Amino acid sequence: MDSFVRFYLIVSILGCVAALKDPSCAFELFGQGACNTLITRIGYSRWENMCTSKRFIACDTDGTSFESIKECEDKCKE
């Protein structure tokens, strides 16, 4: 039974990634480094199917970011 649950979870996760309009939308933003710099970026949350402005106190960010909410929605939003 335990292996069935693992298999189901893996298939479910792969299905979510495969369903994205653009694979780059799967890479959510996160802050990197321990700097005291406020960074604002626009990113997509596949779990909420929303593009939002996100703030980080970090040196830089990693993940996919966009120039505008419209660009993000055109590329990622279902």
Protein backbone atom coordinates (compact mmCIF):
# COMPACT_ATOMS: atom_id res chain seq x y z
CA MET A 1 0.00 0.00 0.00
CA ASP A 2 2.83 2.38 0.84
CA SER A 3 4.37 2.00 -2.63
CA PHE A 4 0.98 2.76 -4.21
CA VAL A 5 0.75 6.05 -2.28
CA ARG A 6 4.27 7.02 -3.37
CA PHE A 7 3.48 6.17 -6.98
CA TYR A 8 0.27 8.23 -6.85
CA LEU A 9 2.10 11.26 -5.40
CA ILE A 10 4.83 11.11 -8.04
CA VAL A 11 2.30 10.85 -10.87
CA SER A 12 0.28 13.73 -9.40
CA ILE A 13 3.31 16.01 -9.13
CA LEU A 14 4.46 15.19 -12.66
CA GLY A 15 0.94 15.89 -13.91
CA CYS A 16 0.99 19.35 -12.33
CA VAL A 17 4.30 20.26 -13.96
CA ALA A 18 3.27 18.83 -17.33
CA ALA A 19 0.04 20.86 -17.25
CA LEU A 20 1.84 24.22 -17.12
CA LYS A 21 1.64 26.44 -20.20
CA ASP A 22 5.41 27.00 -20.03
CA PRO A 23 7.82 24.76 -18.09
CA SER A 24 9.77 27.78 -16.79
CA CYS A 25 6.69 28.72 -14.75
CA ALA A 26 7.41 25.77 -12.45
CA PHE A 27 10.42 27.56 -10.92
CA GLU A 28 9.00 29.71 -8.11
CA LEU A 29 10.97 32.67 -6.81
CA PHE A 30 12.96 32.53 -3.61
CA GLY A 31 15.55 34.75 -1.98
CA GLN A 32 19.25 33.88 -1.96
CA GLY A 33 21.92 35.05 0.42
CA ALA A 34 22.00 36.94 3.70
CA CYS A 35 22.12 40.56 2.53
CA ASN A 36 19.98 43.36 3.92
CA THR A 37 18.71 44.35 0.48
CA LEU A 38 14.98 44.57 -0.28
CA ILE A 39 14.34 42.99 -3.68
CA THR A 40 10.96 43.09 -5.43
CA ARG A 41 10.22 40.66 -8.25
CA ILE A 42 7.12 39.42 -10.08
CA GLY A 43 6.63 35.67 -9.97
CA TYR A 44 4.08 32.93 -10.59
CA SER A 45 2.65 30.56 -7.99
CA ARG A 46 1.43 27.40 -9.70
CA TRP A 47 -0.42 26.32 -6.54
CA GLU A 48 -2.53 29.50 -6.57
CA ASN A 49 -2.42 30.02 -10.37
CA MET A 50 -1.54 33.67 -9.72
CA CYS A 51 1.16 36.16 -10.64
CA THR A 52 2.13 38.49 -7.81
CA SER A 53 4.77 40.95 -6.76
CA LYS A 54 6.98 39.35 -4.12
CA ARG A 55 9.50 40.96 -1.78
CA PHE A 56 12.62 39.37 -0.40
CA ILE A 57 15.34 40.55 1.96
CA ALA A 58 18.25 38.83 0.24
CA CYS A 59 21.28 39.34 -2.01
CA ASP A 60 19.47 38.07 -5.11
CA THR A 61 16.60 35.85 -6.18
CA ASP A 62 16.47 32.55 -7.99
CA GLY A 63 13.60 31.15 -10.02
CA THR A 64 11.62 32.65 -12.88
CA SER A 65 10.78 36.36 -12.64
CA PHE A 66 8.94 38.66 -15.04
CA GLU A 67 8.98 42.35 -16.00
CA SER A 68 5.22 42.77 -15.48
CA ILE A 69 2.15 41.00 -14.12
CA LYS A 70 0.75 40.88 -17.67
CA GLU A 71 3.88 39.16 -19.03
CA CYS A 72 3.67 36.62 -16.21
CA GLU A 73 -0.04 35.94 -16.76
CA ASP A 74 0.37 35.62 -20.53
CA LYS A 75 3.13 33.07 -20.07
CA CYS A 76 1.94 31.10 -17.04
CA LYS A 77 -1.65 31.60 -15.96
CA GLU A 78 -4.06 28.84 -16.94
